Amino acid sequence: MSLLKRIDEDLVKALKNREQDKVTLFRGLKSDIKYKKIEKNEELAEEEILAVLSAAAKRRRDSIEQFKAGNRQDLVDKETFELNIITGYLPEQLSEDKLRDLIGEAIKKTGADSPAKMGLVMKEVMPATKGKADGKLVNRLVNEMLSKATD
């Protein structure tokens, strides 16, 4: 079943169950998808819908960090609730060990030997992890592994 169809069905369930928080979230996601569709001026492929959902998840993660810093636990809880629902639509996230393996292969392939060549490794790793790993985590691991390579 397509992602859009799943979101539509979940929206109907949320409406029937009077779950206003979920209704608001699903309508927002549908709106994000529709804006992307209008911007592209054609139907979206599943990967493009996944990219929209990944961006929504990333916004939630960033908001959670900001709200934690601002000591707003009520908003942290709301964003966490939304993030958990959104991640249910995303492919399973890669473990840190699998990411390290991918990064190690990319380092060997590109011949990167210092943090200055981080861009080469990121260019190699990001397409393989698209939607399956947080970019900040990948960035941190690449930097860490390249720093160890120079030691």
C-alpha atoms as a PDB file:
ATOM      1  CA  MET A   1       0.000   0.000   0.000  1.00  0.00           C
ATOM      2  CA  SER A   2       1.314   3.424  -0.882  1.00  0.00           C
ATOM      3  CA  LEU A   3       2.401   5.823   1.834  1.00  0.00           C
ATOM      4  CA  LEU A   4      -0.182   8.412   0.829  1.00  0.00           C
ATOM      5  CA  LYS A   5      -2.963   5.831   1.026  1.00  0.00           C
ATOM      6  CA  ARG A   6      -1.752   4.730   4.496  1.00  0.00           C
ATOM      7  CA  ILE A   7      -1.747   8.357   5.690  1.00  0.00           C
ATOM      8  CA  ASP A   8      -5.268   8.850   4.296  1.00  0.00           C
ATOM      9  CA  GLU A   9      -6.541   5.731   6.072  1.00  0.00           C
ATOM     10  CA  ASP A  10      -4.877   6.739   9.339  1.00  0.00           C
ATOM     11  CA  LEU A  11      -6.407  10.210   9.016  1.00  0.00           C
ATOM     12  CA  VAL A  12      -9.885   8.691   8.657  1.00  0.00           C
ATOM     13  CA  LYS A  13      -9.279   6.466  11.721  1.00  0.00           C
ATOM     14  CA  ALA A  14      -8.078   9.458  13.732  1.00  0.00           C
ATOM     15  CA  LEU A  15     -11.148  11.467  12.688  1.00  0.00           C
ATOM     16  CA  LYS A  16     -13.487   8.636  13.700  1.00  0.00           C
ATOM     17  CA  ASN A  17     -11.718   8.192  17.037  1.00  0.00           C
ATOM     18  CA  ARG A  18     -11.637  11.963  17.628  1.00  0.00           C
ATOM     19  CA  GLU A  19      -7.857  11.987  18.079  1.00  0.00           C
ATOM     20  CA  GLN A  20      -7.293  15.656  17.345  1.00  0.00           C
ATOM     21  CA  ASP A  21      -3.505  15.554  17.736  1.00  0.00           C
ATOM     22  CA  LYS A  22      -3.211  12.833  15.096  1.00  0.00           C
ATOM     23  CA  VAL A  23      -5.725  14.562  12.801  1.00  0.00           C
ATOM     24  CA  THR A  24      -3.647  17.744  12.903  1.00  0.00           C
ATOM     25  CA  LEU A  25      -0.438  15.810  12.227  1.00  0.00           C
ATOM     26  CA  PHE A  26      -1.865  13.824   9.288  1.00  0.00           C
ATOM     27  CA  ARG A  27      -3.382  16.913   7.719  1.00  0.00           C
ATOM     28  CA  GLY A  28      -0.030  18.671   8.039  1.00  0.00           C
ATOM     29  CA  LEU A  29       1.775  15.757   6.403  1.00  0.00           C
ATOM     30  CA  LYS A  30      -0.757  15.646   3.567  1.00  0.00           C
ATOM     31  CA  SER A  31      -0.299  19.387   3.126  1.00  0.00           C
ATOM     32  CA  ASP A  32       3.496  18.998   2.959  1.00  0.00           C
ATOM     33  CA  ILE A  33       3.100  16.264   0.339  1.00  0.00           C
ATOM     34  CA  LYS A  34       0.642  18.347  -1.665  1.00  0.00           C
ATOM     35  CA  TYR A  35       2.995  21.378  -1.652  1.00  0.00           C
ATOM     36  CA  LYS A  36       5.797  19.169  -2.950  1.00  0.00           C
ATOM     37  CA  LYS A  37       3.465  17.806  -5.636  1.00  0.00           C
ATOM     38  CA  ILE A  38       2.510  21.333  -6.714  1.00  0.00           C
ATOM     39  CA  GLU A  39       6.153  22.423  -6.687  1.00  0.00           C
ATOM     40  CA  LYS A  40       7.104  19.480  -8.899  1.00  0.00           C
ATOM     41  CA  ASN A  41       3.939  19.812 -11.016  1.00  0.00           C
ATOM     42  CA  GLU A  42       3.416  16.044 -11.230  1.00  0.00           C
ATOM     43  CA  GLU A  43       2.562  13.043  -9.055  1.00  0.00           C
ATOM     44  CA  LEU A  44       5.190  12.114  -6.481  1.00  0.00           C
ATOM     45  CA  ALA A  45       6.989   8.790  -6.417  1.00  0.00           C
ATOM     46  CA  GLU A  46       7.230   6.855  -3.157  1.00  0.00           C
ATOM     47  CA  GLU A  47      10.858   8.011  -2.668  1.00  0.00           C
ATOM     48  CA  GLU A  48       9.759  11.639  -2.925  1.00  0.00           C
ATOM     49  CA  ILE A  49       6.986  11.117  -0.381  1.00  0.00           C
ATOM     50  CA  LEU A  50       9.561   9.422   1.856  1.00  0.00           C
ATOM     51  CA  ALA A  51      11.796  12.467   1.465  1.00  0.00           C
ATOM     52  CA  VAL A  52       8.915  14.734   2.583  1.00  0.00           C
ATOM     53  CA  LEU A  53       8.293  12.502   5.614  1.00  0.00           C
ATOM     54  CA  SER A  54      12.020  12.400   6.413  1.00  0.00           C
ATOM     55  CA  ALA A  55      12.122  16.198   6.326  1.00  0.00           C
ATOM     56  CA  ALA A  56       9.106  16.331   8.663  1.00  0.00           C
ATOM     57  CA  ALA A  57      10.860  13.925  11.052  1.00  0.00           C
ATOM     58  CA  LYS A  58      14.032  16.023  10.917  1.00  0.00           C
ATOM     59  CA  ARG A  59      12.033  19.162  11.768  1.00  0.00           C
ATOM     60  CA  ARG A  60      10.551  17.351  14.775  1.00  0.00           C
ATOM     61  CA  ARG A  61      14.005  16.230  15.971  1.00  0.00           C
ATOM     62  CA  ASP A  62      15.354  19.775  15.668  1.00  0.00           C
ATOM     63  CA  SER A  63      12.326  21.150  17.507  1.00  0.00           C
ATOM     64  CA  ILE A  64      12.756  18.622  20.309  1.00  0.00           C
ATOM     65  CA  GLU A  65      16.358  19.781  20.812  1.00  0.00           C
ATOM     66  CA  GLN A  66      15.275  23.428  20.866  1.00  0.00           C
ATOM     67  CA  PHE A  67      12.392  22.820  23.275  1.00  0.00           C
ATOM     68  CA  LYS A  68      14.634  20.806  25.599  1.00  0.00           C
ATOM     69  CA  ALA A  69      17.074  23.719  25.630  1.00  0.00           C
ATOM     70  CA  GLY A  70      14.168  26.067  26.364  1.00  0.00           C
ATOM     71  CA  ASN A  71      12.910  23.791  29.145  1.00  0.00           C
ATOM     72  CA  ARG A  72       9.478  23.282  27.504  1.00  0.00           C
ATOM     73  CA  GLN A  73       8.639  19.685  28.352  1.00  0.00           C
ATOM     74  CA  ASP A  74       5.032  20.045  27.136  1.00  0.00           C
ATOM     75  CA  LEU A  75       6.258  20.870  23.619  1.00  0.00           C
ATOM     76  CA  VAL A  76       8.962  18.187  23.770  1.00  0.00           C
ATOM     77  CA  ASP A  77       6.226  15.626  24.514  1.00  0.00           C
ATOM     78  CA  LYS A  78       4.060  16.868  21.621  1.00  0.00           C
ATOM     79  CA  GLU A  79       6.934  16.793  19.113  1.00  0.00           C
ATOM     80  CA  THR A  80       8.072  13.358  20.352  1.00  0.00           C
ATOM     81  CA  PHE A  81       4.532  12.019  19.899  1.00  0.00           C
ATOM     82  CA  GLU A  82       4.452  13.336  16.324  1.00  0.00           C
ATOM     83  CA  LEU A  83       7.968  12.055  15.577  1.00  0.00           C
ATOM     84  CA  ASN A  84       7.012   8.545  16.724  1.00  0.00           C
ATOM     85  CA  ILE A  85       4.038   8.515  14.352  1.00  0.00           C
ATOM     86  CA  ILE A  86       6.070   9.852  11.415  1.00  0.00           C
ATOM     87  CA  THR A  87       8.880   7.319  11.928  1.00  0.00           C
ATOM     88  CA  GLY A  88       6.250   4.577  11.608  1.00  0.00           C
ATOM     89  CA  TYR A  89       5.997   5.503   7.912  1.00  0.00           C
ATOM     90  CA  LEU A  90       9.751   5.649   7.323  1.00  0.00           C
ATOM     91  CA  PRO A  91      11.920   2.634   6.509  1.00  0.00           C
ATOM     92  CA  GLU A  92      13.684   1.028   9.443  1.00  0.00           C
ATOM     93  CA  GLN A  93      16.643   3.131  10.516  1.00  0.00           C
ATOM     94  CA  LEU A  94      20.145   1.719  10.124  1.00  0.00           C
ATOM     95  CA  SER A  95      21.955   0.795  13.317  1.00  0.00           C
ATOM     96  CA  GLU A  96      25.105   2.652  14.274  1.00  0.00           C
ATOM     97  CA  ASP A  97      27.159  -0.493  13.551  1.00  0.00           C
ATOM     98  CA  LYS A  98      25.776  -0.792  10.013  1.00  0.00           C
ATOM     99  CA  LEU A  99      26.429   2.914   9.480  1.00  0.00           C
ATOM    100  CA  ARG A 100      30.034   2.455  10.618  1.00  0.00           C
ATOM    101  CA  ASP A 101      30.405  -0.432   8.133  1.00  0.00           C
ATOM    102  CA  LEU A 102      29.002   1.697   5.274  1.00  0.00           C
ATOM    103  CA  ILE A 103      31.237   4.608   6.221  1.00  0.00           C
ATOM    104  CA  GLY A 104      34.278   2.316   6.461  1.00  0.00           C
ATOM    105  CA  GLU A 105      33.610   1.022   2.936  1.00  0.00           C
ATOM    106  CA  ALA A 106      33.170   4.581   1.645  1.00  0.00           C
ATOM    107  CA  ILE A 107      36.452   5.664   3.256  1.00  0.00           C
ATOM    108  CA  LYS A 108      38.277   2.768   1.561  1.00  0.00           C
ATOM    109  CA  LYS A 109      36.590   3.461  -1.779  1.00  0.00           C
ATOM    110  CA  THR A 110      37.333   7.197  -1.761  1.00  0.00           C
ATOM    111  CA  GLY A 111      40.762   6.903  -0.161  1.00  0.00           C
ATOM    112  CA  ALA A 112      39.870   9.628   2.341  1.00  0.00           C
ATOM    113  CA  ASP A 113      42.467   9.858   5.081  1.00  0.00           C
ATOM    114  CA  SER A 114      41.633  13.059   6.945  1.00  0.00           C
ATOM    115  CA  PRO A 115      38.624  15.095   8.092  1.00  0.00           C
ATOM    116  CA  ALA A 116      39.408  17.521   5.256  1.00  0.00           C
ATOM    117  CA  LYS A 117      38.130  14.870   2.829  1.00  0.00           C
ATOM    118  CA  MET A 118      34.862  14.430   4.678  1.00  0.00           C
ATOM    119  CA  GLY A 119      32.857  15.715   1.713  1.00  0.00           C
ATOM    120  CA  LEU A 120      34.025  12.833  -0.489  1.00  0.00           C
ATOM    121  CA  VAL A 121      32.884  10.278   2.072  1.00  0.00           C
ATOM    122  CA  MET A 122      29.567  12.041   2.739  1.00  0.00           C
ATOM    123  CA  LYS A 123      28.860  12.162  -1.009  1.00  0.00           C
ATOM    124  CA  GLU A 124      29.395   8.405  -1.129  1.00  0.00           C
ATOM    125  CA  VAL A 125      27.439   7.498   2.034  1.00  0.00           C
ATOM    126  CA  MET A 126      24.378   9.771   1.909  1.00  0.00           C
ATOM    127  CA  PRO A 127      22.636   8.206  -1.122  1.00  0.00           C
ATOM    128  CA  ALA A 128      22.879   4.773   0.531  1.00  0.00           C
ATOM    129  CA  THR A 129      21.442   6.053   3.822  1.00  0.00           C
ATOM    130  CA  LYS A 130      18.745   8.336   2.423  1.00  0.00           C
ATOM    131  CA  GLY A 131      15.683   8.012   4.642  1.00  0.00           C
ATOM    132  CA  LYS A 132      17.367   5.276   6.671  1.00  0.00           C
ATOM    133  CA  ALA A 133      19.634   7.368   8.885  1.00  0.00           C
ATOM    134  CA  ASP A 134      19.763  10.855  10.344  1.00  0.00           C
ATOM    135  CA  GLY A 135      22.210  13.055   8.447  1.00  0.00           C
ATOM    136  CA  LYS A 136      23.611  14.543  11.664  1.00  0.00           C
ATOM    137  CA  LEU A 137      24.462  11.075  12.964  1.00  0.00           C
ATOM    138  CA  VAL A 138      26.125  10.115   9.675  1.00  0.00           C
ATOM    139  CA  ASN A 139      28.086  13.380   9.710  1.00  0.00           C
ATOM    140  CA  ARG A 140      29.249  12.812  13.299  1.00  0.00           C
ATOM    141  CA  LEU A 141      30.316   9.212  12.587  1.00  0.00           C
ATOM    142  CA  VAL A 142      32.190  10.148   9.394  1.00  0.00           C
ATOM    143  CA  ASN A 143      34.024  12.928  11.237  1.00  0.00           C
ATOM    144  CA  GLU A 144      34.837  10.582  14.128  1.00  0.00           C
ATOM    145  CA  MET A 145      36.118   7.800  11.860  1.00  0.00           C
ATOM    146  CA  LEU A 146      38.214  10.154   9.712  1.00  0.00           C
ATOM    147  CA  SER A 147      39.709  11.747  12.846  1.00  0.00           C
ATOM    148  CA  LYS A 148      40.758   8.281  14.062  1.00  0.00           C
ATOM    149  CA  ALA A 149      42.268   7.554  10.656  1.00  0.00           C
ATOM    150  CA  THR A 150      44.709  10.469  11.125  1.00  0.00           C
ATOM    151  CA  ASP A 151      45.734   9.404  14.636  1.00  0.00           C
END
